[in-house]
């Protein structure tokens, strides 16, 4: 259950990161609210997951999922450049996340 919560919290990290960008420095109401709620839920989920997952592993997985999710969303929906090299680098992060789970 802790791992599922950690993965969901990592996905929520992408939500709040994207909302932060869309808020334009907290000048837009709805993206700012989505940021605040996403951040609170993401941090809460991380906190609960860290009850049974070591902090180093949990934090690395949380950040990795958030980073990959945000980068993929940027490429898919916001016109950020995508290249084979970028995709390979993202896959390396994913492989690190999987490795941390397998070694836990």
C-alpha atoms as a PDB file:
ATOM      1  CA  UNK A   1       0.000   0.000   0.000  1.00  0.00           C
ATOM      2  CA  UNK A   2       2.863   2.380   0.799  1.00  0.00           C
ATOM      3  CA  UNK A   3       4.333   1.925  -2.685  1.00  0.00           C
ATOM      4  CA  UNK A   4       1.006   2.655  -4.366  1.00  0.00           C
ATOM      5  CA  UNK A   5       0.653   5.786  -2.255  1.00  0.00           C
ATOM      6  CA  UNK A   6       4.211   6.790  -3.141  1.00  0.00           C
ATOM      7  CA  UNK A   7       3.547   6.394  -6.877  1.00  0.00           C
ATOM      8  CA  UNK A   8       0.312   8.414  -6.642  1.00  0.00           C
ATOM      9  CA  UNK A   9       2.132  11.089  -4.666  1.00  0.00           C
ATOM     10  CA  UNK A  10       4.827  11.226  -7.331  1.00  0.00           C
ATOM     11  CA  UNK A  11       2.171  11.712  -9.999  1.00  0.00           C
ATOM     12  CA  UNK A  12       0.659  14.492  -7.901  1.00  0.00           C
ATOM     13  CA  UNK A  13       4.077  16.110  -7.848  1.00  0.00           C
ATOM     14  CA  UNK A  14       3.746  16.458 -11.618  1.00  0.00           C
ATOM     15  CA  UNK A  15       0.284  17.958 -11.157  1.00  0.00           C
ATOM     16  CA  UNK A  16       1.457  20.655  -8.783  1.00  0.00           C
ATOM     17  CA  UNK A  17       4.578  21.406 -10.833  1.00  0.00           C
ATOM     18  CA  UNK A  18       2.507  21.910 -13.975  1.00  0.00           C
ATOM     19  CA  UNK A  19      -0.058  23.975 -12.062  1.00  0.00           C
ATOM     20  CA  UNK A  20       2.728  26.112 -10.634  1.00  0.00           C
ATOM     21  CA  UNK A  21       3.893  26.923 -14.138  1.00  0.00           C
ATOM     22  CA  UNK A  22       0.328  27.647 -15.270  1.00  0.00           C
ATOM     23  CA  UNK A  23      -0.276  29.938 -12.295  1.00  0.00           C
ATOM     24  CA  UNK A  24       2.132  32.535 -13.768  1.00  0.00           C
ATOM     25  CA  UNK A  25       3.612  33.424 -10.400  1.00  0.00           C
ATOM     26  CA  UNK A  26       0.349  32.845  -8.513  1.00  0.00           C
ATOM     27  CA  UNK A  27      -1.479  35.461 -10.582  1.00  0.00           C
ATOM     28  CA  UNK A  28      -4.106  32.999 -11.871  1.00  0.00           C
ATOM     29  CA  UNK A  29      -6.612  31.627  -9.356  1.00  0.00           C
ATOM     30  CA  UNK A  30      -7.431  28.103 -10.567  1.00  0.00           C
ATOM     31  CA  UNK A  31      -3.908  26.959 -11.348  1.00  0.00           C
ATOM     32  CA  UNK A  32      -2.805  28.406  -7.991  1.00  0.00           C
ATOM     33  CA  UNK A  33      -5.507  26.433  -6.178  1.00  0.00           C
ATOM     34  CA  UNK A  34      -4.643  23.249  -8.071  1.00  0.00           C
ATOM     35  CA  UNK A  35      -1.007  23.821  -7.100  1.00  0.00           C
ATOM     36  CA  UNK A  36      -1.870  24.197  -3.405  1.00  0.00           C
ATOM     37  CA  UNK A  37      -4.141  21.141  -3.272  1.00  0.00           C
ATOM     38  CA  UNK A  38      -1.774  19.018  -5.376  1.00  0.00           C
ATOM     39  CA  UNK A  39       1.188  20.015  -3.216  1.00  0.00           C
ATOM     40  CA  UNK A  40      -0.639  19.229   0.033  1.00  0.00           C
ATOM     41  CA  UNK A  41      -1.842  15.845  -1.228  1.00  0.00           C
ATOM     42  CA  UNK A  42       1.541  14.956  -2.718  1.00  0.00           C
ATOM     43  CA  UNK A  43       3.448  15.816   0.448  1.00  0.00           C
ATOM     44  CA  UNK A  44       0.894  14.058   2.643  1.00  0.00           C
ATOM     45  CA  UNK A  45       1.123  10.900   0.562  1.00  0.00           C
ATOM     46  CA  UNK A  46       4.904  11.026   0.686  1.00  0.00           C
ATOM     47  CA  UNK A  47       4.805  11.460   4.458  1.00  0.00           C
ATOM     48  CA  UNK A  48       2.542   8.429   4.906  1.00  0.00           C
ATOM     49  CA  UNK A  49       4.604   6.300   2.510  1.00  0.00           C
ATOM     50  CA  UNK A  50       7.779   7.139   4.423  1.00  0.00           C
ATOM     51  CA  UNK A  51       6.339   5.399   7.475  1.00  0.00           C
ATOM     52  CA  UNK A  52       7.326   2.088   5.899  1.00  0.00           C
ATOM     53  CA  UNK A  53       9.708   2.999   3.062  1.00  0.00           C
ATOM     54  CA  UNK A  54      13.194   4.337   3.888  1.00  0.00           C
ATOM     55  CA  UNK A  55      13.467   8.091   3.326  1.00  0.00           C
ATOM     56  CA  UNK A  56      16.267   7.872   0.763  1.00  0.00           C
ATOM     57  CA  UNK A  57      14.415   5.349  -1.369  1.00  0.00           C
ATOM     58  CA  UNK A  58      11.031   7.001  -0.962  1.00  0.00           C
ATOM     59  CA  UNK A  59      12.226  10.491  -1.754  1.00  0.00           C
ATOM     60  CA  UNK A  60      14.231   9.355  -4.788  1.00  0.00           C
ATOM     61  CA  UNK A  61      11.228   7.465  -6.185  1.00  0.00           C
ATOM     62  CA  UNK A  62       8.857  10.389  -5.480  1.00  0.00           C
ATOM     63  CA  UNK A  63      11.129  12.931  -7.162  1.00  0.00           C
ATOM     64  CA  UNK A  64      11.864  10.591 -10.068  1.00  0.00           C
ATOM     65  CA  UNK A  65       8.204   9.950 -10.808  1.00  0.00           C
ATOM     66  CA  UNK A  66       7.450  13.653 -10.549  1.00  0.00           C
ATOM     67  CA  UNK A  67      10.349  14.607 -12.795  1.00  0.00           C
ATOM     68  CA  UNK A  68       9.536  12.039 -15.471  1.00  0.00           C
ATOM     69  CA  UNK A  69       5.812  12.854 -15.363  1.00  0.00           C
ATOM     70  CA  UNK A  70       6.446  16.576 -15.641  1.00  0.00           C
ATOM     71  CA  UNK A  71       8.939  16.161 -18.487  1.00  0.00           C
ATOM     72  CA  UNK A  72       6.610  13.848 -20.426  1.00  0.00           C
ATOM     73  CA  UNK A  73       3.675  16.231 -19.942  1.00  0.00           C
ATOM     74  CA  UNK A  74       5.841  19.115 -21.120  1.00  0.00           C
ATOM     75  CA  UNK A  75       6.755  17.228 -24.276  1.00  0.00           C
ATOM     76  CA  UNK A  76       3.250  15.872 -24.924  1.00  0.00           C
ATOM     77  CA  UNK A  77       1.105  18.903 -24.183  1.00  0.00           C
ATOM     78  CA  UNK A  78       3.250  22.020 -23.922  1.00  0.00           C
ATOM     79  CA  UNK A  79       5.421  21.842 -27.002  1.00  0.00           C
ATOM     80  CA  UNK A  80       8.717  21.153 -25.264  1.00  0.00           C
ATOM     81  CA  UNK A  81      11.230  19.508 -27.538  1.00  0.00           C
ATOM     82  CA  UNK A  82      11.482  15.749 -27.490  1.00  0.00           C
ATOM     83  CA  UNK A  83      14.457  13.821 -28.748  1.00  0.00           C
ATOM     84  CA  UNK A  84      15.730  10.287 -28.587  1.00  0.00           C
ATOM     85  CA  UNK A  85      18.387  11.393 -26.108  1.00  0.00           C
ATOM     86  CA  UNK A  86      15.795  12.965 -23.787  1.00  0.00           C
ATOM     87  CA  UNK A  87      13.590   9.891 -23.927  1.00  0.00           C
ATOM     88  CA  UNK A  88      16.566   7.640 -23.173  1.00  0.00           C
ATOM     89  CA  UNK A  89      17.469   9.815 -20.180  1.00  0.00           C
ATOM     90  CA  UNK A  90      13.891   9.633 -18.891  1.00  0.00           C
ATOM     91  CA  UNK A  91      13.924   5.861 -19.327  1.00  0.00           C
ATOM     92  CA  UNK A  92      17.120   5.736 -17.286  1.00  0.00           C
ATOM     93  CA  UNK A  93      15.317   7.544 -14.466  1.00  0.00           C
ATOM     94  CA  UNK A  94      12.426   5.074 -14.734  1.00  0.00           C
ATOM     95  CA  UNK A  95      14.866   2.167 -14.612  1.00  0.00           C
ATOM     96  CA  UNK A  96      16.379   3.662 -11.460  1.00  0.00           C
ATOM     97  CA  UNK A  97      12.926   3.881  -9.888  1.00  0.00           C
ATOM     98  CA  UNK A  98      12.197   0.252 -10.778  1.00  0.00           C
ATOM     99  CA  UNK A  99      15.607  -0.764  -9.441  1.00  0.00           C
ATOM    100  CA  UNK A 100      14.959   0.976  -6.124  1.00  0.00           C
ATOM    101  CA  UNK A 101      11.631  -0.824  -5.818  1.00  0.00           C
ATOM    102  CA  UNK A 102      13.180  -4.199  -6.611  1.00  0.00           C
ATOM    103  CA  UNK A 103      16.003  -3.671  -4.128  1.00  0.00           C
ATOM    104  CA  UNK A 104      13.682  -2.575  -1.313  1.00  0.00           C
END
